[in-house]
Amino acid sequence: MSAPKMKPNQPSDSLYERDFFLWTQEQAEALRRAAREGSNLPLDWENLAEEIESLGKSDKREILSLLEVLVEHLLKLAASPADLPRAQWRKEVRAFRRKLNVLLRESPSLRAQVPALLEEAIAAALVDVEEELKERAEYHHAEPILREFRRRTLLPEEVLGEGFPRPGARDIVED
């Protein structure tokens, strides 16, 4: 059985393979342009464009979601005095980072959006962590640390890197 033949105008290292998000945005615009220019193909141009565009947006939403839970776990590792869930939080942080790095590797143009997405994720995570720590009667202990996270937010390299916060501290240090 032979390998499938490449279509003309499709290099072996296509944008689709290098940056899925950027590919979706470019393809959506190309469909809209073809519709404006009056292509006579019987296609639902605008809905096709929207569907392709939404594929890329779903990656962006997934990155935001992963950032939210990742930041939430990092905040709990820093602020919670509890010992028991600590190993689980660290394990989940590593898993979320792996998933995020895969998505960003598949769609590198989304990496430029990480700071803005991270800002949104931190705001949501702080609210959730405060509520959870209040429910667990840990908020009094955690309040100064969470205040410090509000004062100086997490940087993308801290969130996506390999370190973890020291218990009772804002600093993220390498293991």
N, C-alpha and C. Protein backbone atom coordinates (compact mmCIF):
# COMPACT_ATOMS: atom_id res chain seq x y z
N MET A 1 0.85 -1.17 0.00
CA MET A 1 0.00 0.00 0.00
C MET A 1 0.89 1.23 0.00
N SER A 2 0.64 2.16 -0.88
CA SER A 2 1.47 3.35 -0.96
C SER A 2 0.88 4.47 -0.10
N ALA A 3 1.74 5.41 0.23
CA ALA A 3 1.29 6.56 1.03
C ALA A 3 0.36 7.42 0.19
N PRO A 4 -0.58 8.11 0.84
CA PRO A 4 -1.47 8.99 0.09
C PRO A 4 -0.68 10.10 -0.57
N LYS A 5 -1.10 10.48 -1.75
CA LYS A 5 -0.42 11.53 -2.48
C LYS A 5 -0.82 12.89 -1.93
N MET A 6 0.17 13.79 -1.91
CA MET A 6 -0.09 15.15 -1.47
C MET A 6 -0.91 15.87 -2.53
N LYS A 7 -1.85 16.67 -2.12
CA LYS A 7 -2.60 17.50 -3.05
C LYS A 7 -1.71 18.65 -3.47
N PRO A 8 -1.86 19.14 -4.69
CA PRO A 8 -1.12 20.33 -5.07
C PRO A 8 -1.48 21.47 -4.13
N ASN A 9 -0.57 22.38 -3.92
CA ASN A 9 -0.76 23.53 -3.03
C ASN A 9 -0.88 23.12 -1.57
N GLN A 10 -0.45 21.93 -1.21
CA GLN A 10 -0.49 21.52 0.19
C GLN A 10 0.90 21.00 0.56
N PRO A 11 1.75 21.88 1.10
CA PRO A 11 3.09 21.43 1.46
C PRO A 11 3.03 20.41 2.58
N SER A 12 4.08 19.61 2.68
CA SER A 12 4.10 18.54 3.68
C SER A 12 4.05 19.09 5.10
N ASP A 13 4.54 20.30 5.30
CA ASP A 13 4.52 20.91 6.63
C ASP A 13 3.53 22.07 6.59
N SER A 14 2.25 21.75 6.51
CA SER A 14 1.22 22.77 6.31
C SER A 14 0.93 23.53 7.60
N LEU A 15 0.31 24.69 7.42
CA LEU A 15 -0.11 25.50 8.56
C LEU A 15 -1.03 24.69 9.46
N TYR A 16 -1.88 23.86 8.88
CA TYR A 16 -2.79 23.00 9.65
C TYR A 16 -1.99 22.17 10.65
N GLU A 17 -0.85 21.65 10.23
CA GLU A 17 -0.02 20.83 11.11
C GLU A 17 0.79 21.66 12.09
N ARG A 18 1.18 22.88 11.68
CA ARG A 18 2.04 23.72 12.53
C ARG A 18 1.27 24.55 13.54
N ASP A 19 0.07 25.03 13.17
CA ASP A 19 -0.67 25.94 14.05
C ASP A 19 -2.16 25.84 13.73
N PHE A 20 -2.82 24.90 14.38
CA PHE A 20 -4.22 24.63 14.08
C PHE A 20 -5.10 25.85 14.27
N PHE A 21 -4.92 26.59 15.35
CA PHE A 21 -5.75 27.77 15.62
C PHE A 21 -5.61 28.78 14.49
N LEU A 22 -4.39 29.11 14.12
CA LEU A 22 -4.17 30.07 13.05
C LEU A 22 -4.77 29.56 11.74
N TRP A 23 -4.64 28.27 11.48
CA TRP A 23 -5.23 27.67 10.28
C TRP A 23 -6.74 27.89 10.27
N THR A 24 -7.41 27.67 11.40
CA THR A 24 -8.87 27.83 11.44
C THR A 24 -9.26 29.27 11.14
N GLN A 25 -8.50 30.22 11.68
CA GLN A 25 -8.82 31.62 11.45
C GLN A 25 -8.61 32.00 9.98
N GLU A 26 -7.52 31.53 9.40
CA GLU A 26 -7.25 31.82 7.99
C GLU A 26 -8.25 31.15 7.06
N GLN A 27 -8.63 29.92 7.36
CA GLN A 27 -9.59 29.22 6.52
C GLN A 27 -10.97 29.88 6.59
N ALA A 28 -11.36 30.31 7.77
CA ALA A 28 -12.65 31.00 7.91
C ALA A 28 -12.66 32.27 7.08
N GLU A 29 -11.58 33.03 7.14
CA GLU A 29 -11.49 34.25 6.34
C GLU A 29 -11.48 33.93 4.85
N ALA A 30 -10.79 32.87 4.43
CA ALA A 30 -10.75 32.49 3.02
C ALA A 30 -12.15 32.10 2.52
N LEU A 31 -12.91 31.41 3.35
CA LEU A 31 -14.29 31.05 2.97
C LEU A 31 -15.15 32.30 2.82
N ARG A 32 -15.01 33.23 3.74
CA ARG A 32 -15.79 34.46 3.65
C ARG A 32 -15.39 35.28 2.41
N ARG A 33 -14.10 35.30 2.12
CA ARG A 33 -13.63 36.02 0.94
C ARG A 33 -14.19 35.36 -0.34
N ALA A 34 -14.18 34.03 -0.39
CA ALA A 34 -14.72 33.32 -1.56
C ALA A 34 -16.21 33.63 -1.72
N ALA A 35 -16.93 33.71 -0.61
CA ALA A 35 -18.36 34.04 -0.68
C ALA A 35 -18.56 35.46 -1.20
N ARG A 36 -17.74 36.41 -0.73
CA ARG A 36 -17.86 37.80 -1.19
C ARG A 36 -17.53 37.93 -2.67
N GLU A 37 -16.57 37.13 -3.13
CA GLU A 37 -16.12 37.22 -4.51
C GLU A 37 -17.04 36.46 -5.46
N GLY A 38 -18.06 35.82 -4.93
CA GLY A 38 -19.08 35.22 -5.76
C GLY A 38 -18.77 33.84 -6.31
N SER A 39 -18.11 32.99 -5.53
CA SER A 39 -17.88 31.63 -5.99
C SER A 39 -19.22 30.97 -6.27
N ASN A 40 -19.27 30.17 -7.32
CA ASN A 40 -20.54 29.54 -7.67
C ASN A 40 -20.69 28.14 -7.10
N LEU A 41 -19.80 27.75 -6.20
CA LEU A 41 -19.95 26.44 -5.56
C LEU A 41 -21.16 26.49 -4.63
N PRO A 42 -21.97 25.44 -4.59
CA PRO A 42 -23.19 25.45 -3.76
C PRO A 42 -22.86 25.13 -2.30
N LEU A 43 -22.17 26.05 -1.66
CA LEU A 43 -21.78 25.85 -0.26
C LEU A 43 -22.41 26.91 0.62
N ASP A 44 -22.64 26.57 1.86
CA ASP A 44 -23.14 27.51 2.86
C ASP A 44 -21.91 28.21 3.44
N TRP A 45 -21.39 29.18 2.72
CA TRP A 45 -20.11 29.80 3.01
C TRP A 45 -20.01 30.33 4.43
N GLU A 46 -20.97 31.14 4.85
CA GLU A 46 -20.86 31.79 6.16
C GLU A 46 -20.88 30.77 7.29
N ASN A 47 -21.78 29.79 7.22
CA ASN A 47 -21.84 28.79 8.28
C ASN A 47 -20.60 27.89 8.28
N LEU A 48 -20.08 27.59 7.09
CA LEU A 48 -18.82 26.84 7.03
C LEU A 48 -17.70 27.61 7.70
N ALA A 49 -17.62 28.89 7.40
CA ALA A 49 -16.59 29.75 8.00
C ALA A 49 -16.75 29.78 9.51
N GLU A 50 -17.98 29.95 9.98
CA GLU A 50 -18.23 30.00 11.43
C GLU A 50 -17.86 28.69 12.11
N GLU A 51 -18.19 27.57 11.47
CA GLU A 51 -17.87 26.27 12.06
C GLU A 51 -16.35 26.06 12.15
N ILE A 52 -15.65 26.39 11.10
CA ILE A 52 -14.19 26.25 11.12
C ILE A 52 -13.58 27.18 12.16
N GLU A 53 -14.07 28.40 12.21
CA GLU A 53 -13.58 29.37 13.19
C GLU A 53 -13.84 28.86 14.61
N SER A 54 -15.00 28.24 14.82
CA SER A 54 -15.34 27.75 16.16
C SER A 54 -14.43 26.61 16.60
N LEU A 55 -13.90 25.84 15.65
CA LEU A 55 -12.94 24.79 16.02
C LEU A 55 -11.73 25.40 16.72
N GLY A 56 -11.22 26.49 16.17
CA GLY A 56 -10.09 27.17 16.80
C GLY A 56 -10.48 27.79 18.13
N LYS A 57 -11.68 28.35 18.19
CA LYS A 57 -12.13 28.97 19.44
C LYS A 57 -12.30 27.94 20.54
N SER A 58 -12.63 26.71 20.17
CA SER A 58 -12.78 25.67 21.20
C SER A 58 -11.42 25.37 21.84
N ASP A 59 -10.34 25.43 21.06
CA ASP A 59 -9.01 25.28 21.65
C ASP A 59 -8.72 26.42 22.62
N LYS A 60 -9.10 27.61 22.25
CA LYS A 60 -8.89 28.78 23.11
C LYS A 60 -9.69 28.63 24.41
N ARG A 61 -10.94 28.17 24.30
CA ARG A 61 -11.75 27.95 25.51
C ARG A 61 -11.15 26.86 26.38
N GLU A 62 -10.62 25.82 25.76
CA GLU A 62 -10.01 24.74 26.53
C GLU A 62 -8.76 25.24 27.26
N ILE A 63 -7.99 26.08 26.61
CA ILE A 63 -6.81 26.65 27.27
C ILE A 63 -7.22 27.49 28.47
N LEU A 64 -8.25 28.31 28.31
CA LEU A 64 -8.74 29.11 29.44
C LEU A 64 -9.20 28.22 30.57
N SER A 65 -9.95 27.18 30.26
CA SER A 65 -10.44 26.26 31.28
C SER A 65 -9.29 25.57 32.02
N LEU A 66 -8.30 25.11 31.27
CA LEU A 66 -7.15 24.46 31.90
C LEU A 66 -6.36 25.45 32.75
N LEU A 67 -6.22 26.68 32.27
CA LEU A 67 -5.53 27.69 33.06
C LEU A 67 -6.26 27.96 34.37
N GLU A 68 -7.58 28.01 34.32
CA GLU A 68 -8.36 28.26 35.55
C GLU A 68 -8.11 27.18 36.59
N VAL A 69 -8.21 25.91 36.21
CA VAL A 69 -8.02 24.85 37.21
C VAL A 69 -6.56 24.74 37.61
N LEU A 70 -5.65 25.00 36.71
CA LEU A 70 -4.23 24.98 37.04
C LEU A 70 -3.91 26.06 38.07
N VAL A 71 -4.37 27.29 37.82
CA VAL A 71 -4.13 28.38 38.76
C VAL A 71 -4.80 28.10 40.09
N GLU A 72 -5.99 27.57 40.04
CA GLU A 72 -6.70 27.23 41.28
C GLU A 72 -5.86 26.28 42.14
N HIS A 73 -5.29 25.27 41.51
CA HIS A 73 -4.48 24.31 42.26
C HIS A 73 -3.19 24.96 42.76
N LEU A 74 -2.58 25.81 41.96
CA LEU A 74 -1.37 26.51 42.42
C LEU A 74 -1.68 27.40 43.62
N LEU A 75 -2.82 28.10 43.57
CA LEU A 75 -3.21 28.95 44.70
C LEU A 75 -3.46 28.11 45.95
N LYS A 76 -4.13 26.99 45.79
CA LYS A 76 -4.40 26.14 46.96
C LYS A 76 -3.10 25.57 47.52
N LEU A 77 -2.16 25.21 46.65
CA LEU A 77 -0.87 24.71 47.14
C LEU A 77 -0.14 25.79 47.95
N ALA A 78 -0.27 27.03 47.54
CA ALA A 78 0.40 28.12 48.26
C ALA A 78 -0.34 28.49 49.54
N ALA A 79 -1.66 28.55 49.48
CA ALA A 79 -2.43 29.15 50.57
C ALA A 79 -3.01 28.19 51.58
N SER A 80 -3.29 26.96 51.20
CA SER A 80 -3.93 26.03 52.11
C SER A 80 -2.91 25.39 53.06
N PRO A 81 -3.23 25.36 54.33
CA PRO A 81 -2.33 24.68 55.27
C PRO A 81 -2.54 23.16 55.30
N ALA A 82 -3.55 22.67 54.59
CA ALA A 82 -3.87 21.24 54.60
C ALA A 82 -2.76 20.42 53.97
N ASP A 83 -2.49 19.25 54.54
CA ASP A 83 -1.45 18.36 54.02
C ASP A 83 -2.01 17.32 53.06
N LEU A 84 -3.19 16.80 53.37
CA LEU A 84 -3.71 15.64 52.65
C LEU A 84 -3.91 15.83 51.15
N PRO A 85 -4.57 16.88 50.66
CA PRO A 85 -4.79 16.92 49.21
C PRO A 85 -3.57 17.41 48.42
N ARG A 86 -2.51 17.77 49.09
CA ARG A 86 -1.35 18.39 48.46
C ARG A 86 -0.76 17.54 47.33
N ALA A 87 -0.56 16.25 47.55
CA ALA A 87 0.03 15.38 46.53
C ALA A 87 -0.89 15.30 45.31
N GLN A 88 -2.19 15.24 45.56
CA GLN A 88 -3.15 15.19 44.45
C GLN A 88 -3.13 16.49 43.66
N TRP A 89 -3.08 17.62 44.36
CA TRP A 89 -3.02 18.92 43.66
C TRP A 89 -1.78 18.99 42.77
N ARG A 90 -0.65 18.54 43.31
CA ARG A 90 0.60 18.59 42.53
C ARG A 90 0.50 17.69 41.29
N LYS A 91 -0.07 16.52 41.47
CA LYS A 91 -0.25 15.59 40.34
C LYS A 91 -1.14 16.22 39.27
N GLU A 92 -2.22 16.85 39.70
CA GLU A 92 -3.13 17.49 38.75
C GLU A 92 -2.48 18.69 38.07
N VAL A 93 -1.68 19.46 38.79
CA VAL A 93 -0.95 20.58 38.18
C VAL A 93 -0.07 20.08 37.05
N ARG A 94 0.66 18.99 37.29
CA ARG A 94 1.52 18.44 36.23
C ARG A 94 0.69 18.00 35.02
N ALA A 95 -0.46 17.37 35.27
CA ALA A 95 -1.33 16.92 34.17
C ALA A 95 -1.89 18.10 33.39
N PHE A 96 -2.34 19.14 34.08
CA PHE A 96 -2.89 20.32 33.40
C PHE A 96 -1.80 21.01 32.57
N ARG A 97 -0.60 21.09 33.11
CA ARG A 97 0.51 21.71 32.37
C ARG A 97 0.82 20.92 31.10
N ARG A 98 0.82 19.60 31.21
CA ARG A 98 1.07 18.78 30.01
C ARG A 98 0.01 19.05 28.94
N LYS A 99 -1.25 19.05 29.34
CA LYS A 99 -2.34 19.29 28.38
C LYS A 99 -2.21 20.67 27.75
N LEU A 100 -1.93 21.67 28.57
CA LEU A 100 -1.76 23.03 28.05
C LEU A 100 -0.61 23.11 27.06
N ASN A 101 0.49 22.51 27.40
CA ASN A 101 1.65 22.57 26.51
C ASN A 101 1.39 21.85 25.19
N VAL A 102 0.61 20.78 25.21
CA VAL A 102 0.24 20.11 23.96
C VAL A 102 -0.61 21.05 23.10
N LEU A 103 -1.62 21.66 23.70
CA LEU A 103 -2.48 22.59 22.95
C LEU A 103 -1.67 23.75 22.39
N LEU A 104 -0.77 24.29 23.18
CA LEU A 104 0.03 25.43 22.72
C LEU A 104 1.06 25.01 21.66
N ARG A 105 1.49 23.78 21.72
CA ARG A 105 2.41 23.28 20.69
C ARG A 105 1.65 23.09 19.37
N GLU A 106 0.40 22.64 19.45
CA GLU A 106 -0.41 22.42 18.25
C GLU A 106 -0.93 23.73 17.66
N SER A 107 -1.07 24.75 18.49
CA SER A 107 -1.56 26.06 18.03
C SER A 107 -0.69 27.15 18.65
N PRO A 108 0.55 27.28 18.19
CA PRO A 108 1.47 28.24 18.82
C PRO A 108 1.01 29.69 18.77
N SER A 109 0.13 30.04 17.84
CA SER A 109 -0.35 31.43 17.81
C SER A 109 -1.19 31.74 19.05
N LEU A 110 -1.72 30.74 19.72
CA LEU A 110 -2.47 30.97 20.95
C LEU A 110 -1.56 31.33 22.12
N ARG A 111 -0.28 31.02 22.03
CA ARG A 111 0.66 31.34 23.11
C ARG A 111 0.67 32.84 23.39
N ALA A 112 0.53 33.65 22.34
CA ALA A 112 0.52 35.10 22.52
C ALA A 112 -0.71 35.55 23.31
N GLN A 113 -1.75 34.74 23.35
CA GLN A 113 -2.97 35.09 24.07
C GLN A 113 -2.96 34.60 25.52
N VAL A 114 -1.94 33.83 25.88
CA VAL A 114 -1.89 33.28 27.24
C VAL A 114 -1.90 34.37 28.32
N PRO A 115 -1.14 35.47 28.19
CA PRO A 115 -1.21 36.48 29.27
C PRO A 115 -2.62 37.00 29.53
N ALA A 116 -3.38 37.31 28.49
CA ALA A 116 -4.74 37.80 28.68
C ALA A 116 -5.65 36.70 29.24
N LEU A 117 -5.50 35.49 28.72
CA LEU A 117 -6.30 34.37 29.23
C LEU A 117 -5.94 34.08 30.68
N LEU A 118 -4.66 34.19 31.00
CA LEU A 118 -4.21 33.93 32.36
C LEU A 118 -4.79 34.96 33.34
N GLU A 119 -4.85 36.21 32.92
CA GLU A 119 -5.44 37.25 33.76
C GLU A 119 -6.89 36.90 34.10
N GLU A 120 -7.63 36.46 33.10
CA GLU A 120 -9.02 36.05 33.30
C GLU A 120 -9.09 34.81 34.21
N ALA A 121 -8.20 33.85 33.98
CA ALA A 121 -8.19 32.62 34.77
C ALA A 121 -7.86 32.90 36.24
N ILE A 122 -6.92 33.79 36.48
CA ILE A 122 -6.52 34.12 37.86
C ILE A 122 -7.69 34.75 38.61
N ALA A 123 -8.38 35.67 37.97
CA ALA A 123 -9.53 36.32 38.62
C ALA A 123 -10.58 35.29 39.03
N ALA A 124 -10.89 34.37 38.14
CA ALA A 124 -11.88 33.33 38.44
C ALA A 124 -11.37 32.39 39.52
N ALA A 125 -10.11 31.99 39.42
CA ALA A 125 -9.54 31.04 40.37
C ALA A 125 -9.48 31.63 41.78
N LEU A 126 -9.14 32.90 41.90
CA LEU A 126 -9.08 33.53 43.23
C LEU A 126 -10.44 33.48 43.91
N VAL A 127 -11.49 33.75 43.19
CA VAL A 127 -12.84 33.70 43.76
C VAL A 127 -13.15 32.28 44.23
N ASP A 128 -12.87 31.30 43.38
CA ASP A 128 -13.18 29.90 43.73
C ASP A 128 -12.34 29.41 44.90
N VAL A 129 -11.08 29.76 44.92
CA VAL A 129 -10.19 29.32 46.01
C VAL A 129 -10.60 29.96 47.32
N GLU A 130 -10.91 31.25 47.29
CA GLU A 130 -11.35 31.91 48.53
C GLU A 130 -12.59 31.23 49.08
N GLU A 131 -13.55 30.95 48.23
CA GLU A 131 -14.78 30.29 48.67
C GLU A 131 -14.49 28.91 49.25
N GLU A 132 -13.66 28.14 48.55
CA GLU A 132 -13.34 26.80 49.04
C GLU A 132 -12.61 26.86 50.38
N LEU A 133 -11.66 27.77 50.51
CA LEU A 133 -10.90 27.86 51.76
C LEU A 133 -11.76 28.38 52.91
N LYS A 134 -12.75 29.19 52.61
CA LYS A 134 -13.70 29.61 53.65
C LYS A 134 -14.51 28.41 54.12
N GLU A 135 -14.97 27.59 53.16
CA GLU A 135 -15.75 26.40 53.51
C GLU A 135 -14.93 25.43 54.35
N ARG A 136 -13.63 25.39 54.11
CA ARG A 136 -12.75 24.47 54.84
C ARG A 136 -12.16 25.11 56.09
N ALA A 137 -12.62 26.31 56.44
CA ALA A 137 -12.13 27.05 57.61
C ALA A 137 -10.62 27.29 57.54
N GLU A 138 -10.11 27.55 56.35
CA GLU A 138 -8.69 27.81 56.15
C GLU A 138 -8.42 29.24 55.67
N TYR A 139 -9.49 30.00 55.47
CA TYR A 139 -9.32 31.31 54.84
C TYR A 139 -8.48 32.26 55.68
N HIS A 140 -8.66 32.26 56.99
CA HIS A 140 -7.89 33.17 57.85
C HIS A 140 -6.39 32.97 57.62
N HIS A 141 -5.98 31.73 57.53
CA HIS A 141 -4.57 31.41 57.28
C HIS A 141 -4.15 31.84 55.86
N ALA A 142 -5.05 31.65 54.90
CA ALA A 142 -4.73 31.85 53.49
C ALA A 142 -4.83 33.30 53.03
N GLU A 143 -5.57 34.12 53.75
CA GLU A 143 -5.85 35.48 53.28
C GLU A 143 -4.61 36.29 52.92
N PRO A 144 -3.56 36.34 53.73
CA PRO A 144 -2.39 37.14 53.35
C PRO A 144 -1.70 36.63 52.07
N ILE A 145 -1.70 35.34 51.89
CA ILE A 145 -1.06 34.77 50.70
C ILE A 145 -1.88 35.10 49.46
N LEU A 146 -3.19 34.96 49.55
CA LEU A 146 -4.06 35.29 48.42
C LEU A 146 -3.98 36.78 48.10
N ARG A 147 -3.87 37.61 49.12
CA ARG A 147 -3.72 39.05 48.91
C ARG A 147 -2.44 39.32 48.12
N GLU A 148 -1.39 38.59 48.42
CA GLU A 148 -0.12 38.74 47.70
C GLU A 148 -0.27 38.31 46.23
N PHE A 149 -1.04 37.28 45.97
CA PHE A 149 -1.29 36.87 44.58
C PHE A 149 -2.09 37.93 43.83
N ARG A 150 -2.95 38.64 44.54
CA ARG A 150 -3.69 39.74 43.89
C ARG A 150 -2.76 40.92 43.60
N ARG A 151 -1.84 41.16 44.50
CA ARG A 151 -0.91 42.28 44.35
C ARG A 151 0.04 42.06 43.17
N ARG A 152 0.63 40.89 43.11
CA ARG A 152 1.52 40.54 41.99
C ARG A 152 1.04 39.21 41.41
N THR A 153 0.45 39.31 40.28
CA THR A 153 -0.18 38.15 39.67
C THR A 153 0.87 37.14 39.20
N LEU A 154 0.40 35.98 38.85
CA LEU A 154 1.27 34.94 38.30
C LEU A 154 1.66 35.27 36.87
N LEU A 155 2.86 34.94 36.50
CA LEU A 155 3.34 35.13 35.15
C LEU A 155 3.13 33.83 34.36
N PRO A 156 2.99 33.93 33.03
CA PRO A 156 2.80 32.72 32.24
C PRO A 156 3.89 31.67 32.47
N GLU A 157 5.13 32.10 32.58
CA GLU A 157 6.21 31.12 32.79
C GLU A 157 6.11 30.44 34.15
N GLU A 158 5.54 31.11 35.14
CA GLU A 158 5.34 30.47 36.44
C GLU A 158 4.24 29.42 36.36
N VAL A 159 3.19 29.74 35.64
CA VAL A 159 2.06 28.83 35.53
C VAL A 159 2.39 27.63 34.65
N LEU A 160 3.04 27.89 33.52
CA LEU A 160 3.33 26.83 32.56
C LEU A 160 4.64 26.10 32.85
N GLY A 161 5.45 26.66 33.74
CA GLY A 161 6.74 26.05 34.06
C GLY A 161 6.60 24.80 34.91
N GLU A 162 7.66 24.43 35.57
CA GLU A 162 7.66 23.18 36.32
C GLU A 162 7.58 23.36 37.83
N GLY A 163 7.67 24.57 38.32
CA GLY A 163 7.71 24.79 39.76
C GLY A 163 6.35 24.74 40.43
N PHE A 164 6.41 24.74 41.76
CA PHE A 164 5.22 24.76 42.60
C PHE A 164 5.41 25.82 43.68
N PRO A 165 4.31 26.41 44.16
CA PRO A 165 4.46 27.37 45.25
C PRO A 165 4.88 26.66 46.54
N ARG A 166 5.68 27.36 47.30
CA ARG A 166 6.00 26.84 48.63
C ARG A 166 4.78 27.03 49.51
N PRO A 167 4.44 26.05 50.34
CA PRO A 167 3.29 26.22 51.24
C PRO A 167 3.48 27.47 52.09
N GLY A 168 2.45 28.30 52.14
CA GLY A 168 2.49 29.52 52.94
C GLY A 168 3.23 30.65 52.28
N ALA A 169 3.54 30.53 50.99
CA ALA A 169 4.30 31.58 50.31
C ALA A 169 3.78 31.80 48.90
N ARG A 170 4.09 32.94 48.37
CA ARG A 170 3.67 33.31 47.04
C ARG A 170 4.63 32.80 45.97
N ASP A 171 5.87 32.59 46.35
CA ASP A 171 6.93 32.21 45.40
C ASP A 171 6.69 30.83 44.82
N ILE A 172 6.95 30.72 43.51
CA ILE A 172 6.91 29.43 42.84
C ILE A 172 8.35 29.03 42.61
N VAL A 173 8.71 27.86 43.15
CA VAL A 173 10.09 27.41 43.08
C VAL A 173 10.16 26.07 42.35
N GLU A 174 11.28 25.82 41.73
CA GLU A 174 11.48 24.55 41.05
C GLU A 174 11.60 23.44 42.08
N ASP A 175 11.10 22.29 41.72
CA ASP A 175 11.20 21.12 42.62
C ASP A 175 12.62 20.63 42.69
